[in-house]
Amino acid sequence: MKRVKRRYLALQLESEGLPTEREFMDAVWGAVTKLYGEVGASLTGLALINFDGERKIFVVRTSLASLPMVRASLATVTGVAGKGASMHVLAVSGTLKALYANVG
């Protein structure tokens, strides 16, 4: 059986106010589902790993094969929890240690 390779993305959220973890992930899942449908979204294996409310940085895990799909979907996010928002990918890495070293 082949091992699933994963990638971690550090995302900077620019929005009015601070959404909850659930509201953030609902926005991400909604964007992926809108662009690729439920089957495409299920292939991503998205999971929230960590979030820094002070700096509005979220760390998300996805599969390596679906990384381009997730990045394209994040570019389409225009709102989180009913408020205008945008997301920027700060870094992508195969390990959390390297990701945190790049983000700071």
C-alpha atoms as a PDB file:
ATOM      1  CA  MET A   1       0.000   0.000   0.000  1.00  0.00           C
ATOM      2  CA  LYS A   2       1.330   3.413  -0.972  1.00  0.00           C
ATOM      3  CA  ARG A   3       1.796   6.122   1.632  1.00  0.00           C
ATOM      4  CA  VAL A   4      -0.139   9.362   1.186  1.00  0.00           C
ATOM      5  CA  LYS A   5       2.195  12.334   0.810  1.00  0.00           C
ATOM      6  CA  ARG A   6       0.981  15.486   2.491  1.00  0.00           C
ATOM      7  CA  ARG A   7       1.743  19.160   2.254  1.00  0.00           C
ATOM      8  CA  TYR A   8       1.212  21.902   4.813  1.00  0.00           C
ATOM      9  CA  LEU A   9       0.149  25.396   3.801  1.00  0.00           C
ATOM     10  CA  ALA A  10       0.534  28.533   5.909  1.00  0.00           C
ATOM     11  CA  LEU A  11      -2.309  30.881   5.027  1.00  0.00           C
ATOM     12  CA  GLN A  12      -2.571  34.568   5.894  1.00  0.00           C
ATOM     13  CA  LEU A  13      -6.167  35.718   6.277  1.00  0.00           C
ATOM     14  CA  GLU A  14      -7.034  39.341   5.606  1.00  0.00           C
ATOM     15  CA  SER A  15     -10.501  40.100   6.928  1.00  0.00           C
ATOM     16  CA  GLU A  16     -12.527  42.282   9.196  1.00  0.00           C
ATOM     17  CA  GLY A  17     -12.550  40.608  12.583  1.00  0.00           C
ATOM     18  CA  LEU A  18     -11.342  37.139  13.475  1.00  0.00           C
ATOM     19  CA  PRO A  19     -13.384  34.130  12.370  1.00  0.00           C
ATOM     20  CA  THR A  20     -13.573  30.960  14.418  1.00  0.00           C
ATOM     21  CA  GLU A  21     -11.744  27.849  13.278  1.00  0.00           C
ATOM     22  CA  ARG A  22     -15.043  26.381  12.092  1.00  0.00           C
ATOM     23  CA  GLU A  23     -15.985  29.464  10.057  1.00  0.00           C
ATOM     24  CA  PHE A  24     -12.559  29.490   8.405  1.00  0.00           C
ATOM     25  CA  MET A  25     -12.709  25.823   7.420  1.00  0.00           C
ATOM     26  CA  ASP A  26     -16.287  26.200   6.194  1.00  0.00           C
ATOM     27  CA  ALA A  27     -15.083  28.942   3.835  1.00  0.00           C
ATOM     28  CA  VAL A  28     -12.186  26.796   2.574  1.00  0.00           C
ATOM     29  CA  TRP A  29     -14.367  23.702   2.100  1.00  0.00           C
ATOM     30  CA  GLY A  30     -17.014  25.830   0.396  1.00  0.00           C
ATOM     31  CA  ALA A  31     -14.485  27.206  -2.085  1.00  0.00           C
ATOM     32  CA  VAL A  32     -13.110  23.750  -2.921  1.00  0.00           C
ATOM     33  CA  THR A  33     -16.602  22.284  -3.260  1.00  0.00           C
ATOM     34  CA  LYS A  34     -17.790  25.139  -5.482  1.00  0.00           C
ATOM     35  CA  LEU A  35     -14.821  24.757  -7.826  1.00  0.00           C
ATOM     36  CA  TYR A  36     -14.374  20.945  -7.904  1.00  0.00           C
ATOM     37  CA  GLY A  37     -17.578  19.485  -6.486  1.00  0.00           C
ATOM     38  CA  GLU A  38     -17.974  17.119  -3.564  1.00  0.00           C
ATOM     39  CA  VAL A  39     -15.895  14.342  -5.126  1.00  0.00           C
ATOM     40  CA  GLY A  40     -12.985  16.706  -5.794  1.00  0.00           C
ATOM     41  CA  ALA A  41     -13.245  18.135  -2.280  1.00  0.00           C
ATOM     42  CA  SER A  42     -13.156  14.666  -0.749  1.00  0.00           C
ATOM     43  CA  LEU A  43      -9.873  13.932  -2.541  1.00  0.00           C
ATOM     44  CA  THR A  44      -8.097  16.869  -0.903  1.00  0.00           C
ATOM     45  CA  GLY A  45      -8.074  15.497   2.645  1.00  0.00           C
ATOM     46  CA  LEU A  46      -8.142  19.040   4.050  1.00  0.00           C
ATOM     47  CA  ALA A  47      -7.556  19.476   7.765  1.00  0.00           C
ATOM     48  CA  LEU A  48      -6.863  22.475   9.972  1.00  0.00           C
ATOM     49  CA  ILE A  49      -3.665  21.901  11.936  1.00  0.00           C
ATOM     50  CA  ASN A  50      -3.079  25.167  13.776  1.00  0.00           C
ATOM     51  CA  PHE A  51      -4.100  28.789  13.824  1.00  0.00           C
ATOM     52  CA  ASP A  52      -2.617  31.936  15.284  1.00  0.00           C
ATOM     53  CA  GLY A  53      -5.450  34.352  16.027  1.00  0.00           C
ATOM     54  CA  GLU A  54      -3.106  37.213  16.764  1.00  0.00           C
ATOM     55  CA  ARG A  55      -1.445  37.188  13.330  1.00  0.00           C
ATOM     56  CA  LYS A  56      -4.398  35.526  11.501  1.00  0.00           C
ATOM     57  CA  ILE A  57      -2.205  32.713  10.194  1.00  0.00           C
ATOM     58  CA  PHE A  58      -3.820  29.326   9.621  1.00  0.00           C
ATOM     59  CA  VAL A  59      -1.959  26.071   8.917  1.00  0.00           C
ATOM     60  CA  VAL A  60      -3.831  23.593   6.727  1.00  0.00           C
ATOM     61  CA  ARG A  61      -2.866  20.054   5.652  1.00  0.00           C
ATOM     62  CA  THR A  62      -3.723  18.579   2.254  1.00  0.00           C
ATOM     63  CA  SER A  63      -2.552  15.747   0.026  1.00  0.00           C
ATOM     64  CA  LEU A  64       0.284  16.428  -2.416  1.00  0.00           C
ATOM     65  CA  ALA A  65      -1.812  15.360  -5.408  1.00  0.00           C
ATOM     66  CA  SER A  66      -4.540  17.898  -4.603  1.00  0.00           C
ATOM     67  CA  LEU A  67      -2.250  20.835  -3.757  1.00  0.00           C
ATOM     68  CA  PRO A  68      -2.905  22.709  -7.045  1.00  0.00           C
ATOM     69  CA  MET A  69      -6.658  22.260  -6.553  1.00  0.00           C
ATOM     70  CA  VAL A  70      -6.515  23.679  -3.028  1.00  0.00           C
ATOM     71  CA  ARG A  71      -4.372  26.648  -4.060  1.00  0.00           C
ATOM     72  CA  ALA A  72      -6.747  27.495  -6.907  1.00  0.00           C
ATOM     73  CA  SER A  73      -9.725  27.229  -4.561  1.00  0.00           C
ATOM     74  CA  LEU A  74      -8.137  29.508  -1.957  1.00  0.00           C
ATOM     75  CA  ALA A  75      -7.785  32.216  -4.591  1.00  0.00           C
ATOM     76  CA  THR A  76     -11.559  32.239  -5.054  1.00  0.00           C
ATOM     77  CA  VAL A  77     -12.388  32.940  -1.392  1.00  0.00           C
ATOM     78  CA  THR A  78     -14.007  36.353  -1.095  1.00  0.00           C
ATOM     79  CA  GLY A  79     -15.614  36.075   2.317  1.00  0.00           C
ATOM     80  CA  VAL A  80     -15.433  34.266   5.642  1.00  0.00           C
ATOM     81  CA  ALA A  81     -18.401  34.200   8.040  1.00  0.00           C
ATOM     82  CA  GLY A  82     -20.309  36.769   6.003  1.00  0.00           C
ATOM     83  CA  LYS A  83     -17.481  39.319   6.027  1.00  0.00           C
ATOM     84  CA  GLY A  84     -15.181  40.250   3.162  1.00  0.00           C
ATOM     85  CA  ALA A  85     -11.905  38.341   3.259  1.00  0.00           C
ATOM     86  CA  SER A  86      -9.009  37.079   1.184  1.00  0.00           C
ATOM     87  CA  MET A  87      -6.385  34.396   1.765  1.00  0.00           C
ATOM     88  CA  HIS A  88      -2.738  34.406   0.799  1.00  0.00           C
ATOM     89  CA  VAL A  89      -0.429  31.388   0.789  1.00  0.00           C
ATOM     90  CA  LEU A  90       2.670  32.324   2.801  1.00  0.00           C
ATOM     91  CA  ALA A  91       4.509  29.003   2.515  1.00  0.00           C
ATOM     92  CA  VAL A  92       4.097  25.364   1.488  1.00  0.00           C
ATOM     93  CA  SER A  93       6.143  22.564   2.998  1.00  0.00           C
ATOM     94  CA  GLY A  94       6.250  18.815   3.469  1.00  0.00           C
ATOM     95  CA  THR A  95       6.883  19.100   7.220  1.00  0.00           C
ATOM     96  CA  LEU A  96       5.539  21.352   9.930  1.00  0.00           C
ATOM     97  CA  LYS A  97       9.049  22.054  11.202  1.00  0.00           C
ATOM     98  CA  ALA A  98      10.163  23.497   7.865  1.00  0.00           C
ATOM     99  CA  LEU A  99       6.887  25.387   7.470  1.00  0.00           C
ATOM    100  CA  TYR A 100       7.246  27.132  10.822  1.00  0.00           C
ATOM    101  CA  ALA A 101      10.893  27.931  10.027  1.00  0.00           C
ATOM    102  CA  ASN A 102       9.777  29.696   6.807  1.00  0.00           C
ATOM    103  CA  VAL A 103       6.849  31.548   8.344  1.00  0.00           C
ATOM    104  CA  GLY A 104       8.571  32.605  11.534  1.00  0.00           C
END
